[in-house]
Amino acid sequence: MDEKMNWLKRYSETCGVSGFEGPMKDLLLERMGAQAKVSYDKLGSVIFTAEGQEEGPKVMLASHMDEIGFMIKHITKEGFLRFVCLGGWWEQVMLSQRVTVHGKKGDLVGVIGSKPPHILTPEERTKVVKKSDMYIDIGAKDEDEARALGAEEGCAVTPFAEFAQMGDGKTLLGKAWDNRIGCAVMTDVMENLSKEEHANTVYGVATVQEEVGLRGAQTSVNMLKPDVAFVLDTCVTGGTPGVADEIAPAKIGNGVAITLYDAGMIPNTALRDFALQVAKKINIPTQFSISEGGATDGGRIHLHDAGVLTLSFSIPTRYIHSHQSVIHLDDYLGAVKLITAMVLQLDDKKYAELLKD
């Protein structure tokens, strides 16, 4: 496994649900700490700063580092763990899935359970099991043993999945691509910029708590006050059975997706057109994404103060918000090249042109 693929494996497998992003933050500091100035907002987002050779526009590269997961809210007398969801979960992808419970004495293996089908009534068999009827089994015989093992209310729980290369080696399976692949794009762009002269101050920001309300985006944009923001995230894909192109036009392997619309933001059209021009010039394939039911950190960033010119880029991702999701290596590499090229072409003159359009 080459170095880039090894980093992707580590990004995917690292635990860091909303509000508990510490391990992912440590990994990003290992990756970027020696290459950029490091700072933090007071909510926990980590900021890597690359200062340019001129006092050009301030550019924010925002990628959230949290993943969806769970938190323990109650331990039953029988030793099972009731939980709340951190982020958006669909019940049908949860049952019988393995999880890691981050107990006070170390990590515990767990599995999400419910009543088995053998004892369900005919009516119950036709319904989706509610989250409130699920629990996590850590193999404890009762509440006392669960607590002795280190399970407590407030403990974080992370989905468990191992990274794997599929098919031709470029199709990648793993947990938390939403949004660890955005973090990978951000760190690669920041590394590229460290080797180039540019006119901007660039902030590579790994935000916290995006999955529970875009919270780190709000605090970090308040702190940085950028002129331009590129949001690096994932999007739902089409190209699978039952998913129409008009609902999810982007497909894995067809290039980085540029957002036309999402539920939290209409991206800046001048910045969108600039991205398409640069992509065409350097021969980077692109496609479009539309999300009528979801939003990104851009929803908070673009409304800061008098407004921030904001555009979202997405890596198309199958089976998003589940234990296992699928991306394509070429989409990620194309995103890195395109965003690097755009930052290198941004200066005061170009920023003024974008403001007028």
Protein backbone atom coordinates (compact mmCIF):
# COMPACT_ATOMS: atom_id res chain seq x y z
CA MET A 1 0.00 0.00 0.00
CA ASP A 2 1.51 3.34 -1.05
CA GLU A 3 1.74 6.36 1.26
CA LYS A 4 -1.33 8.13 -0.09
CA MET A 5 -3.48 5.02 0.20
CA ASN A 6 -2.18 4.42 3.73
CA TRP A 7 -3.26 7.93 4.73
CA LEU A 8 -6.72 7.32 3.29
CA LYS A 9 -6.97 4.10 5.28
CA ARG A 10 -6.02 5.93 8.47
CA TYR A 11 -8.46 8.78 7.77
CA SER A 12 -11.30 6.33 7.27
CA GLU A 13 -10.60 4.04 10.21
CA THR A 14 -9.88 6.76 12.80
CA CYS A 15 -12.69 7.24 15.31
CA GLY A 16 -14.16 10.70 15.73
CA VAL A 17 -17.92 11.13 16.01
CA SER A 18 -19.49 14.56 16.48
CA GLY A 19 -18.30 16.13 19.72
CA PHE A 20 -15.53 13.54 20.13
CA GLU A 21 -13.20 14.43 17.25
CA GLY A 22 -9.94 14.24 19.27
CA PRO A 23 -8.38 11.19 17.55
CA MET A 24 -9.01 12.66 14.11
CA LYS A 25 -7.57 15.99 15.20
CA ASP A 26 -4.42 14.20 16.39
CA LEU A 27 -4.10 12.45 13.03
CA LEU A 28 -4.40 15.74 11.14
CA LEU A 29 -1.76 17.31 13.39
CA GLU A 30 0.54 14.40 12.60
CA ARG A 31 -0.10 14.97 8.90
CA MET A 32 0.08 18.78 8.78
CA GLY A 33 1.54 20.11 12.03
CA ALA A 34 5.03 20.63 10.63
CA GLN A 35 3.85 22.21 7.38
CA ALA A 36 1.60 25.04 8.54
CA LYS A 37 0.85 27.30 11.47
CA VAL A 38 -1.70 25.60 13.75
CA SER A 39 -4.50 27.27 15.70
CA TYR A 40 -7.95 26.36 17.04
CA ASP A 41 -11.35 27.85 17.58
CA LYS A 42 -12.92 27.41 21.01
CA LEU A 43 -15.23 24.61 19.85
CA GLY A 44 -12.33 22.41 18.76
CA SER A 45 -11.92 22.99 15.03
CA VAL A 46 -8.26 22.89 13.98
CA ILE A 47 -6.91 25.50 11.55
CA PHE A 48 -3.79 25.17 9.39
CA THR A 49 -2.60 28.51 7.98
CA ALA A 50 -0.46 29.02 4.88
CA GLU A 51 0.50 32.64 4.31
CA GLY A 52 1.11 33.80 0.75
CA GLN A 53 3.68 36.16 -0.70
CA GLU A 54 1.13 38.98 -1.02
CA GLU A 55 -1.79 40.27 1.01
CA GLY A 56 -4.36 38.74 -1.27
CA PRO A 57 -7.80 37.42 -0.35
CA LYS A 58 -8.23 35.15 2.65
CA VAL A 59 -9.31 31.68 1.47
CA MET A 60 -10.92 29.10 3.75
CA LEU A 61 -10.82 25.40 2.86
CA ALA A 62 -13.45 23.87 5.14
CA SER A 63 -13.77 20.12 5.68
CA HIS A 64 -15.58 18.67 8.67
CA MET A 65 -13.71 15.95 10.53
CA ASP A 66 -16.59 14.46 12.52
CA GLU A 67 -18.47 11.33 11.49
CA ILE A 68 -21.93 10.15 12.43
CA GLY A 69 -22.15 7.90 15.46
CA PHE A 70 -23.85 7.46 18.80
CA MET A 71 -23.68 8.36 22.49
CA ILE A 72 -24.71 6.16 25.42
CA LYS A 73 -27.67 7.59 27.33
CA HIS A 74 -28.72 4.69 29.59
CA ILE A 75 -27.60 1.27 30.76
CA THR A 76 -30.37 -1.24 31.36
CA LYS A 77 -30.39 -3.55 34.38
CA GLU A 78 -29.64 -6.40 31.95
CA GLY A 79 -26.43 -4.64 30.80
CA PHE A 80 -27.54 -3.33 27.41
CA LEU A 81 -26.73 0.21 26.27
CA ARG A 82 -29.42 2.59 25.05
CA PHE A 83 -28.13 5.39 22.84
CA VAL A 84 -28.84 8.65 21.07
CA CYS A 85 -27.77 9.23 17.48
CA LEU A 86 -25.10 11.80 16.67
CA GLY A 87 -26.00 12.79 13.12
CA GLY A 88 -28.51 11.43 10.65
CA TRP A 89 -29.10 7.68 10.76
CA TRP A 90 -31.59 5.55 8.85
CA GLU A 91 -32.80 2.62 10.90
CA GLN A 92 -32.44 0.02 8.14
CA VAL A 93 -28.64 0.40 8.00
CA MET A 94 -28.14 0.11 11.76
CA LEU A 95 -29.26 -3.33 12.94
CA SER A 96 -26.63 -6.03 13.58
CA GLN A 97 -23.82 -3.61 12.80
CA ARG A 98 -20.62 -3.69 14.83
CA VAL A 99 -19.62 -0.62 16.84
CA THR A 100 -16.80 0.51 19.12
CA VAL A 101 -17.90 1.80 22.51
CA HIS A 102 -15.30 4.21 23.88
CA GLY A 103 -15.58 3.26 27.53
CA LYS A 104 -13.85 4.89 30.47
CA LYS A 105 -11.44 1.93 30.72
CA GLY A 106 -10.81 1.50 27.01
CA ASP A 107 -12.62 0.53 23.84
CA LEU A 108 -15.32 -2.15 23.95
CA VAL A 109 -16.64 -4.23 21.07
CA GLY A 110 -20.39 -3.87 20.62
CA VAL A 111 -23.17 -4.76 18.22
CA ILE A 112 -26.51 -3.03 17.64
CA GLY A 113 -29.36 -5.40 18.45
CA SER A 114 -33.13 -5.64 18.72
CA LYS A 115 -35.80 -8.35 18.98
CA PRO A 116 -35.00 -11.21 16.56
CA PRO A 117 -37.39 -11.88 13.63
CA HIS A 118 -38.48 -15.22 15.08
CA ILE A 119 -40.55 -13.54 17.80
CA LEU A 120 -41.92 -10.61 15.83
CA THR A 121 -45.62 -10.45 15.11
CA PRO A 122 -46.69 -10.41 11.43
CA GLU A 123 -47.42 -6.69 11.78
CA GLU A 124 -44.00 -5.98 13.32
CA ARG A 125 -42.25 -7.82 10.50
CA THR A 126 -43.55 -5.26 7.96
CA LYS A 127 -42.25 -2.25 9.87
CA VAL A 128 -38.80 -0.70 10.21
CA VAL A 129 -37.41 -1.18 13.72
CA LYS A 130 -37.31 2.17 15.52
CA LYS A 131 -34.04 3.53 16.88
CA SER A 132 -35.70 3.73 20.29
CA ASP A 133 -36.15 -0.06 20.22
CA MET A 134 -32.48 -0.75 19.47
CA TYR A 135 -29.67 -1.21 21.94
CA ILE A 136 -25.95 -1.98 21.98
CA ASP A 137 -24.78 -5.34 23.30
CA ILE A 138 -21.24 -5.36 24.76
CA GLY A 139 -21.44 -8.87 26.17
CA ALA A 140 -22.13 -7.83 29.76
CA LYS A 141 -24.30 -10.03 31.96
CA ASP A 142 -25.92 -7.08 33.78
CA GLU A 143 -25.65 -3.36 34.51
CA ASP A 144 -22.96 -3.81 37.16
CA GLU A 145 -20.71 -5.71 34.78
CA ALA A 146 -21.31 -3.18 31.99
CA ARG A 147 -20.20 -0.39 34.29
CA ALA A 148 -17.25 -2.43 35.55
CA LEU A 149 -16.14 -2.79 31.92
CA GLY A 150 -16.15 1.00 31.62
CA ALA A 151 -19.48 1.70 29.93
CA GLU A 152 -21.04 4.93 31.19
CA GLU A 153 -23.63 7.45 30.15
CA GLY A 154 -22.01 9.98 27.82
CA CYS A 155 -19.56 7.54 26.23
CA ALA A 156 -19.12 7.95 22.48
CA VAL A 157 -19.81 5.06 20.10
CA THR A 158 -18.22 4.81 16.66
CA PRO A 159 -19.27 2.60 13.73
CA PHE A 160 -16.71 -0.12 13.05
CA ALA A 161 -15.51 -0.85 9.51
CA GLU A 162 -12.18 -1.67 7.95
CA PHE A 163 -10.81 0.09 4.88
CA ALA A 164 -10.58 -1.99 1.70
CA GLN A 165 -9.70 -1.48 -1.95
CA MET A 166 -12.34 -2.89 -4.29
CA GLY A 167 -12.44 -3.76 -7.98
CA ASP A 168 -9.48 -2.23 -9.82
CA GLY A 169 -7.99 -0.83 -6.63
CA LYS A 170 -9.37 2.66 -7.11
CA THR A 171 -12.81 2.02 -5.66
CA LEU A 172 -12.43 2.42 -1.91
CA LEU A 173 -14.68 0.98 0.80
CA GLY A 174 -14.66 2.27 4.35
CA LYS A 175 -16.48 4.14 7.08
CA ALA A 176 -16.64 7.90 7.54
CA TRP A 177 -15.78 9.01 4.01
CA ASP A 178 -18.27 11.70 5.00
CA ASN A 179 -16.13 13.57 5.58
CA ARG A 180 -12.69 12.11 5.98
CA ILE A 181 -12.16 12.28 2.23
CA GLY A 182 -12.79 16.02 2.47
CA CYS A 183 -10.07 16.19 5.11
CA ALA A 184 -7.76 14.30 2.75
CA VAL A 185 -8.46 16.82 -0.03
CA MET A 186 -7.83 19.73 2.34
CA THR A 187 -4.51 18.41 3.64
CA ASP A 188 -3.27 17.54 0.15
CA VAL A 189 -4.11 21.02 -1.14
CA MET A 190 -2.37 22.62 1.83
CA GLU A 191 0.68 20.46 1.19
CA ASN A 192 0.69 21.47 -2.48
CA LEU A 193 0.48 25.15 -1.55
CA SER A 194 3.46 24.82 0.80
CA LYS A 195 5.56 24.14 -2.31
CA GLU A 196 4.17 27.01 -4.42
CA GLU A 197 4.12 30.79 -4.37
CA HIS A 198 0.61 32.23 -4.05
CA ALA A 199 -1.02 35.54 -3.23
CA ASN A 200 -3.41 34.42 -0.54
CA THR A 201 -3.65 33.58 3.11
CA VAL A 202 -5.12 30.08 3.04
CA TYR A 203 -6.79 28.45 6.02
CA GLY A 204 -7.20 24.69 5.93
CA VAL A 205 -9.92 24.10 8.51
CA ALA A 206 -11.06 20.77 9.91
CA THR A 207 -14.36 21.68 11.52
CA VAL A 208 -16.17 19.89 14.34
CA GLN A 209 -19.81 18.93 14.83
CA GLU A 210 -20.98 19.41 11.24
CA GLU A 211 -23.23 16.37 11.46
CA VAL A 212 -25.19 17.84 14.37
CA GLY A 213 -25.73 21.35 13.00
CA LEU A 214 -22.70 22.86 11.18
CA ARG A 215 -21.42 24.13 14.51
CA GLY A 216 -17.67 24.22 13.93
CA ALA A 217 -18.23 26.04 10.65
CA GLN A 218 -19.95 28.85 12.54
CA THR A 219 -17.21 29.31 15.14
CA SER A 220 -14.29 28.98 12.72
CA VAL A 221 -15.69 31.40 10.15
CA ASN A 222 -16.35 33.91 12.94
CA MET A 223 -12.70 33.61 13.91
CA LEU A 224 -11.14 33.74 10.44
CA LYS A 225 -13.41 36.17 8.53
CA PRO A 226 -12.46 34.80 5.08
CA ASP A 227 -13.16 36.41 1.72
CA VAL A 228 -13.60 33.14 -0.18
CA ALA A 229 -14.50 29.66 1.05
CA PHE A 230 -14.28 26.26 -0.59
CA VAL A 231 -16.27 23.62 1.28
CA LEU A 232 -14.92 20.10 0.79
CA ASP A 233 -17.45 17.36 1.48
CA THR A 234 -19.26 14.37 -0.02
CA CYS A 235 -22.51 13.98 -1.91
CA VAL A 236 -25.09 11.28 -2.58
CA THR A 237 -24.49 9.44 -5.84
CA GLY A 238 -26.65 8.18 -8.62
CA GLY A 239 -25.80 5.30 -10.88
CA THR A 240 -27.18 2.67 -8.50
CA PRO A 241 -30.48 0.78 -8.76
CA GLY A 242 -33.48 2.89 -7.82
CA VAL A 243 -31.68 6.26 -7.81
CA ALA A 244 -32.75 8.55 -10.65
CA ASP A 245 -30.27 10.91 -12.29
CA GLU A 246 -32.45 13.94 -11.57
CA ILE A 247 -32.28 13.13 -7.85
CA ALA A 248 -28.55 12.37 -7.65
CA PRO A 249 -26.73 13.24 -10.89
CA ALA A 250 -23.16 12.66 -9.66
CA LYS A 251 -21.57 9.22 -10.03
CA ILE A 252 -18.39 7.79 -8.55
CA GLY A 253 -15.42 7.85 -10.90
CA ASN A 254 -16.78 10.67 -13.09
CA GLY A 255 -14.96 13.52 -11.35
CA VAL A 256 -15.29 15.94 -8.47
CA ALA A 257 -18.84 17.25 -8.09
CA ILE A 258 -19.54 20.98 -8.01
CA THR A 259 -22.67 21.85 -6.07
CA LEU A 260 -25.43 23.72 -7.87
CA TYR A 261 -27.81 23.78 -4.91
CA ASP A 262 -28.26 22.34 -1.46
CA ALA A 263 -30.75 22.90 1.34
CA GLY A 264 -28.46 25.34 3.14
CA MET A 265 -26.85 27.36 0.36
CA ILE A 266 -27.04 28.44 -3.26
CA PRO A 267 -23.31 28.56 -4.08
CA ASN A 268 -21.76 31.71 -5.53
CA THR A 269 -22.29 31.49 -9.28
CA ALA A 270 -19.19 33.51 -10.23
CA LEU A 271 -17.03 31.16 -8.16
CA ARG A 272 -18.81 28.18 -9.70
CA ASP A 273 -18.08 29.44 -13.23
CA PHE A 274 -14.45 30.11 -12.26
CA ALA A 275 -14.13 26.51 -11.08
CA LEU A 276 -15.52 25.20 -14.37
CA GLN A 277 -13.13 27.41 -16.37
CA VAL A 278 -10.09 26.24 -14.41
CA ALA A 279 -11.17 22.59 -14.62
CA LYS A 280 -11.53 22.83 -18.40
CA LYS A 281 -8.15 24.54 -18.73
CA ILE A 282 -6.28 21.86 -16.76
CA ASN A 283 -8.41 18.99 -18.06
CA ILE A 284 -9.99 17.91 -14.78
CA PRO A 285 -13.36 16.12 -15.15
CA THR A 286 -16.23 17.63 -13.18
CA GLN A 287 -19.91 16.92 -12.63
CA PHE A 288 -22.73 18.55 -10.72
CA SER A 289 -24.45 17.68 -7.47
CA ILE A 290 -27.79 18.79 -6.07
CA SER A 291 -29.01 18.10 -2.54
CA GLU A 292 -32.56 19.11 -1.77
CA GLY A 293 -32.51 17.46 1.65
CA GLY A 294 -29.03 18.09 3.06
CA ALA A 295 -26.55 20.91 3.65
CA THR A 296 -22.84 21.43 4.30
CA ASP A 297 -20.66 23.76 6.35
CA GLY A 298 -21.20 26.28 3.57
CA GLY A 299 -24.65 26.95 4.99
CA ARG A 300 -23.07 28.79 7.91
CA ILE A 301 -19.92 30.07 6.22
CA HIS A 302 -21.51 31.96 3.31
CA LEU A 303 -23.71 34.02 5.68
CA HIS A 304 -20.88 35.33 7.84
CA ASP A 305 -20.84 39.12 8.31
CA ALA A 306 -21.59 40.74 4.91
CA GLY A 307 -21.21 37.38 3.16
CA VAL A 308 -18.43 35.08 1.97
CA LEU A 309 -18.03 33.91 -1.62
CA THR A 310 -18.57 30.19 -1.12
CA LEU A 311 -18.55 27.10 -3.32
CA SER A 312 -18.94 23.45 -2.33
CA PHE A 313 -16.98 20.59 -3.89
CA SER A 314 -18.05 17.02 -3.22
CA ILE A 315 -16.56 13.59 -3.62
CA PRO A 316 -19.44 11.35 -4.83
CA THR A 317 -20.07 8.68 -2.19
CA ARG A 318 -22.27 5.59 -2.26
CA TYR A 319 -24.10 4.39 0.87
CA ILE A 320 -23.48 7.63 2.70
CA HIS A 321 -24.41 7.73 6.41
CA SER A 322 -23.95 4.03 6.97
CA HIS A 323 -21.17 1.83 8.36
CA GLN A 324 -19.77 1.22 4.86
CA SER A 325 -19.46 3.76 2.06
CA VAL A 326 -17.73 3.79 -1.32
CA ILE A 327 -15.70 6.45 -3.15
CA HIS A 328 -13.36 6.53 -6.15
CA LEU A 329 -9.70 7.52 -5.98
CA ASP A 330 -9.77 9.54 -9.21
CA ASP A 331 -12.52 11.86 -7.91
CA TYR A 332 -10.40 12.68 -4.87
CA LEU A 333 -7.21 13.25 -6.86
CA GLY A 334 -9.06 15.48 -9.34
CA ALA A 335 -10.49 17.57 -6.52
CA VAL A 336 -7.00 18.16 -5.11
CA LYS A 337 -5.67 19.30 -8.50
CA LEU A 338 -8.61 21.58 -9.24
CA ILE A 339 -8.73 23.32 -5.87
CA THR A 340 -4.95 23.78 -5.82
CA ALA A 341 -5.08 25.40 -9.26
CA MET A 342 -7.95 27.70 -8.24
CA VAL A 343 -6.16 28.93 -5.13
CA LEU A 344 -3.00 29.62 -7.13
CA GLN A 345 -5.00 31.76 -9.57
CA LEU A 346 -6.82 33.73 -6.88
CA ASP A 347 -5.42 37.19 -6.17
CA ASP A 348 -6.84 40.64 -5.48
CA LYS A 349 -7.64 41.19 -9.15
CA LYS A 350 -9.47 37.91 -9.54
CA TYR A 351 -11.33 38.43 -6.28
CA ALA A 352 -12.52 41.84 -7.47
CA GLU A 353 -13.76 40.26 -10.70
CA LEU A 354 -15.68 37.62 -8.75
CA LEU A 355 -17.31 40.28 -6.60
CA LYS A 356 -18.58 42.14 -9.68
CA ASP A 357 -20.05 39.08 -11.43
